[in-house]
Amino acid sequence: MISQQQCAVVAAAALGLAGTLLMFFNTWTYEPPAGVNFGGSAVDGDNVKVRARNRRRDVYQRIGLALLALSFATGGVAPFLSP
């Protein structure tokens, strides 16, 4: 029989792994906009795509950090659960 404490430890490990992987695979540096100095309207479409990719990376990094924090909180509660 699996206890509540063991379930919490497994959940903390799974949340930590998911959060770490999300942050790892979305931690590449942000892309600079194309034609920063001399781009003009010719590269506006590309800049919209670059901003969207950078925003996606930012969102996934925040989700990964939240999952990692949740795993620490779950791991901190686990010792106080019934064995």
N, C-alpha and C. Protein backbone atom coordinates (compact mmCIF):
# COMPACT_ATOMS: atom_id res chain seq x y z
N MET A 1 0.84 -1.18 0.00
CA MET A 1 0.00 0.00 0.00
C MET A 1 0.89 1.24 0.00
N ILE A 2 0.54 2.19 -0.82
CA ILE A 2 1.32 3.42 -0.92
C ILE A 2 0.74 4.45 0.04
N SER A 3 1.60 5.07 0.83
CA SER A 3 1.13 6.04 1.82
C SER A 3 1.00 7.43 1.18
N GLN A 4 0.36 8.34 1.92
CA GLN A 4 0.22 9.71 1.45
C GLN A 4 1.58 10.38 1.32
N GLN A 5 2.47 10.05 2.20
CA GLN A 5 3.81 10.62 2.18
C GLN A 5 4.55 10.21 0.91
N GLN A 6 4.46 8.94 0.56
CA GLN A 6 5.12 8.46 -0.65
C GLN A 6 4.50 9.09 -1.90
N CYS A 7 3.19 9.26 -1.90
CA CYS A 7 2.52 9.91 -3.03
C CYS A 7 3.00 11.35 -3.19
N ALA A 8 3.14 12.05 -2.07
CA ALA A 8 3.60 13.44 -2.12
C ALA A 8 5.03 13.53 -2.63
N VAL A 9 5.87 12.60 -2.23
CA VAL A 9 7.26 12.61 -2.69
C VAL A 9 7.33 12.33 -4.19
N VAL A 10 6.55 11.38 -4.66
CA VAL A 10 6.52 11.07 -6.10
C VAL A 10 5.97 12.27 -6.88
N ALA A 11 4.92 12.91 -6.35
CA ALA A 11 4.36 14.08 -7.02
C ALA A 11 5.37 15.22 -7.07
N ALA A 12 6.10 15.42 -5.97
CA ALA A 12 7.12 16.47 -5.94
C ALA A 12 8.21 16.19 -6.97
N ALA A 13 8.63 14.94 -7.08
CA ALA A 13 9.66 14.60 -8.05
C ALA A 13 9.16 14.81 -9.48
N ALA A 14 7.91 14.42 -9.75
CA ALA A 14 7.35 14.58 -11.09
C ALA A 14 7.19 16.06 -11.45
N LEU A 15 6.70 16.87 -10.51
CA LEU A 15 6.56 18.30 -10.76
C LEU A 15 7.93 18.96 -10.98
N GLY A 16 8.90 18.56 -10.17
CA GLY A 16 10.24 19.10 -10.32
C GLY A 16 10.86 18.74 -11.66
N LEU A 17 10.68 17.50 -12.08
CA LEU A 17 11.21 17.07 -13.38
C LEU A 17 10.53 17.82 -14.52
N ALA A 18 9.21 17.95 -14.46
CA ALA A 18 8.49 18.66 -15.52
C ALA A 18 8.91 20.12 -15.59
N GLY A 19 9.01 20.76 -14.43
CA GLY A 19 9.41 22.16 -14.41
C GLY A 19 10.82 22.37 -14.90
N THR A 20 11.72 21.49 -14.50
CA THR A 20 13.11 21.61 -14.93
C THR A 20 13.23 21.41 -16.43
N LEU A 21 12.53 20.44 -16.97
CA LEU A 21 12.58 20.20 -18.42
C LEU A 21 11.99 21.37 -19.20
N LEU A 22 10.88 21.92 -18.72
CA LEU A 22 10.29 23.08 -19.39
C LEU A 22 11.27 24.26 -19.41
N MET A 23 11.90 24.51 -18.28
CA MET A 23 12.85 25.62 -18.24
C MET A 23 14.08 25.33 -19.10
N PHE A 24 14.55 24.08 -19.09
CA PHE A 24 15.75 23.74 -19.85
C PHE A 24 15.52 23.90 -21.35
N PHE A 25 14.41 23.40 -21.85
CA PHE A 25 14.17 23.43 -23.28
C PHE A 25 13.69 24.80 -23.78
N ASN A 26 13.43 25.73 -22.89
CA ASN A 26 13.00 27.07 -23.29
C ASN A 26 13.90 28.15 -22.72
N THR A 27 15.15 27.83 -22.48
CA THR A 27 16.05 28.80 -21.89
C THR A 27 17.05 29.36 -22.89
N TRP A 28 16.84 29.09 -24.15
CA TRP A 28 17.73 29.68 -25.13
C TRP A 28 17.57 31.19 -25.08
N THR A 29 18.60 31.89 -25.48
CA THR A 29 18.51 33.34 -25.42
C THR A 29 17.42 33.84 -26.35
N TYR A 30 16.89 34.98 -26.02
CA TYR A 30 15.85 35.56 -26.86
C TYR A 30 16.43 35.96 -28.21
N GLU A 31 15.64 35.84 -29.24
CA GLU A 31 16.09 36.23 -30.57
C GLU A 31 15.98 37.74 -30.71
N PRO A 32 16.98 38.36 -31.29
CA PRO A 32 16.87 39.80 -31.54
C PRO A 32 15.96 40.04 -32.75
N PRO A 33 15.27 41.15 -32.78
CA PRO A 33 14.44 41.46 -33.95
C PRO A 33 15.31 41.62 -35.19
N ALA A 34 14.78 41.20 -36.31
CA ALA A 34 15.52 41.30 -37.58
C ALA A 34 15.62 42.75 -38.01
N GLY A 35 16.76 43.11 -38.54
CA GLY A 35 16.94 44.45 -39.06
C GLY A 35 16.74 45.54 -38.03
N VAL A 36 17.39 45.39 -36.88
CA VAL A 36 17.18 46.32 -35.78
C VAL A 36 17.48 47.76 -36.21
N ASN A 37 18.58 47.96 -36.90
CA ASN A 37 18.97 49.32 -37.25
C ASN A 37 18.37 49.79 -38.57
N PHE A 38 18.35 48.90 -39.57
CA PHE A 38 17.97 49.35 -40.91
C PHE A 38 16.84 48.51 -41.49
N GLY A 39 15.99 47.95 -40.66
CA GLY A 39 14.97 47.05 -41.14
C GLY A 39 13.80 47.73 -41.82
N GLY A 40 13.20 48.65 -41.13
CA GLY A 40 12.04 49.33 -41.69
C GLY A 40 10.84 48.41 -41.78
N SER A 41 9.95 48.75 -42.68
CA SER A 41 8.71 47.99 -42.81
C SER A 41 8.93 46.65 -43.52
N ALA A 42 10.09 46.45 -44.09
CA ALA A 42 10.36 45.21 -44.83
C ALA A 42 10.45 44.00 -43.89
N VAL A 43 10.81 44.21 -42.65
CA VAL A 43 10.99 43.10 -41.73
C VAL A 43 9.97 43.08 -40.60
N ASP A 44 8.93 43.87 -40.70
CA ASP A 44 7.92 43.92 -39.65
C ASP A 44 7.25 42.57 -39.43
N GLY A 45 6.98 41.84 -40.51
CA GLY A 45 6.36 40.52 -40.38
C GLY A 45 7.25 39.55 -39.63
N ASP A 46 8.54 39.61 -39.92
CA ASP A 46 9.48 38.74 -39.21
C ASP A 46 9.59 39.12 -37.74
N ASN A 47 9.53 40.41 -37.46
CA ASN A 47 9.63 40.85 -36.07
C ASN A 47 8.44 40.41 -35.24
N VAL A 48 7.27 40.32 -35.86
CA VAL A 48 6.09 39.83 -35.15
C VAL A 48 6.30 38.37 -34.77
N LYS A 49 6.87 37.58 -35.69
CA LYS A 49 7.14 36.16 -35.41
C LYS A 49 8.20 36.00 -34.33
N VAL A 50 9.23 36.85 -34.37
CA VAL A 50 10.29 36.79 -33.36
C VAL A 50 9.73 37.13 -31.98
N ARG A 51 8.89 38.16 -31.91
CA ARG A 51 8.28 38.53 -30.63
C ARG A 51 7.39 37.41 -30.10
N ALA A 52 6.69 36.72 -31.01
CA ALA A 52 5.83 35.61 -30.58
C ALA A 52 6.67 34.45 -30.04
N ARG A 53 7.78 34.14 -30.70
CA ARG A 53 8.65 33.06 -30.21
C ARG A 53 9.28 33.44 -28.87
N ASN A 54 9.69 34.68 -28.72
CA ASN A 54 10.27 35.13 -27.45
C ASN A 54 9.23 35.11 -26.34
N ARG A 55 7.99 35.47 -26.66
CA ARG A 55 6.92 35.45 -25.66
C ARG A 55 6.62 34.02 -25.24
N ARG A 56 6.63 33.08 -26.19
CA ARG A 56 6.39 31.67 -25.87
C ARG A 56 7.48 31.16 -24.94
N ARG A 57 8.72 31.50 -25.22
CA ARG A 57 9.82 31.09 -24.33
C ARG A 57 9.62 31.66 -22.93
N ASP A 58 9.23 32.91 -22.86
CA ASP A 58 9.03 33.55 -21.55
C ASP A 58 7.92 32.86 -20.77
N VAL A 59 6.82 32.54 -21.44
CA VAL A 59 5.69 31.88 -20.77
C VAL A 59 6.10 30.50 -20.28
N TYR A 60 6.79 29.73 -21.11
CA TYR A 60 7.20 28.38 -20.69
C TYR A 60 8.22 28.42 -19.57
N GLN A 61 9.09 29.42 -19.56
CA GLN A 61 10.03 29.55 -18.46
C GLN A 61 9.30 29.84 -17.15
N ARG A 62 8.28 30.69 -17.21
CA ARG A 62 7.52 31.00 -16.00
C ARG A 62 6.73 29.79 -15.52
N ILE A 63 6.14 29.04 -16.44
CA ILE A 63 5.41 27.83 -16.06
C ILE A 63 6.36 26.82 -15.43
N GLY A 64 7.55 26.65 -16.02
CA GLY A 64 8.54 25.73 -15.47
C GLY A 64 8.98 26.13 -14.09
N LEU A 65 9.19 27.42 -13.87
CA LEU A 65 9.59 27.89 -12.55
C LEU A 65 8.47 27.68 -11.53
N ALA A 66 7.23 27.89 -11.95
CA ALA A 66 6.10 27.66 -11.04
C ALA A 66 5.99 26.18 -10.68
N LEU A 67 6.19 25.29 -11.65
CA LEU A 67 6.15 23.86 -11.35
C LEU A 67 7.28 23.45 -10.41
N LEU A 68 8.45 24.03 -10.62
CA LEU A 68 9.58 23.72 -9.75
C LEU A 68 9.31 24.22 -8.32
N ALA A 69 8.74 25.41 -8.19
CA ALA A 69 8.40 25.93 -6.86
C ALA A 69 7.33 25.06 -6.20
N LEU A 70 6.36 24.61 -6.99
CA LEU A 70 5.31 23.74 -6.46
C LEU A 70 5.89 22.41 -6.00
N SER A 71 6.90 21.92 -6.70
CA SER A 71 7.52 20.66 -6.28
C SER A 71 8.25 20.83 -4.95
N PHE A 72 8.88 21.98 -4.73
CA PHE A 72 9.54 22.23 -3.44
C PHE A 72 8.51 22.33 -2.32
N ALA A 73 7.38 22.98 -2.61
CA ALA A 73 6.33 23.10 -1.60
C ALA A 73 5.75 21.72 -1.27
N THR A 74 5.52 20.90 -2.29
CA THR A 74 4.99 19.56 -2.07
C THR A 74 5.99 18.70 -1.29
N GLY A 75 7.26 18.83 -1.65
CA GLY A 75 8.30 18.11 -0.92
C GLY A 75 8.42 18.56 0.52
N GLY A 76 8.16 19.85 0.78
CA GLY A 76 8.21 20.35 2.15
C GLY A 76 7.07 19.88 3.02
N VAL A 77 5.93 19.60 2.39
CA VAL A 77 4.76 19.13 3.13
C VAL A 77 4.82 17.63 3.35
N ALA A 78 5.50 16.91 2.49
CA ALA A 78 5.50 15.44 2.51
C ALA A 78 5.90 14.84 3.87
N PRO A 79 6.91 15.34 4.56
CA PRO A 79 7.29 14.71 5.84
C PRO A 79 6.20 14.80 6.91
N PHE A 80 5.28 15.74 6.76
CA PHE A 80 4.25 15.91 7.77
C PHE A 80 2.99 15.10 7.50
N LEU A 81 2.95 14.41 6.38
CA LEU A 81 1.80 13.57 6.06
C LEU A 81 1.94 12.24 6.76
N SER A 82 0.82 11.55 6.91
CA SER A 82 0.86 10.27 7.62
C SER A 82 1.60 9.23 6.79
N PRO A 83 2.46 8.43 7.41
CA PRO A 83 3.25 7.43 6.67
C PRO A 83 2.43 6.25 6.20
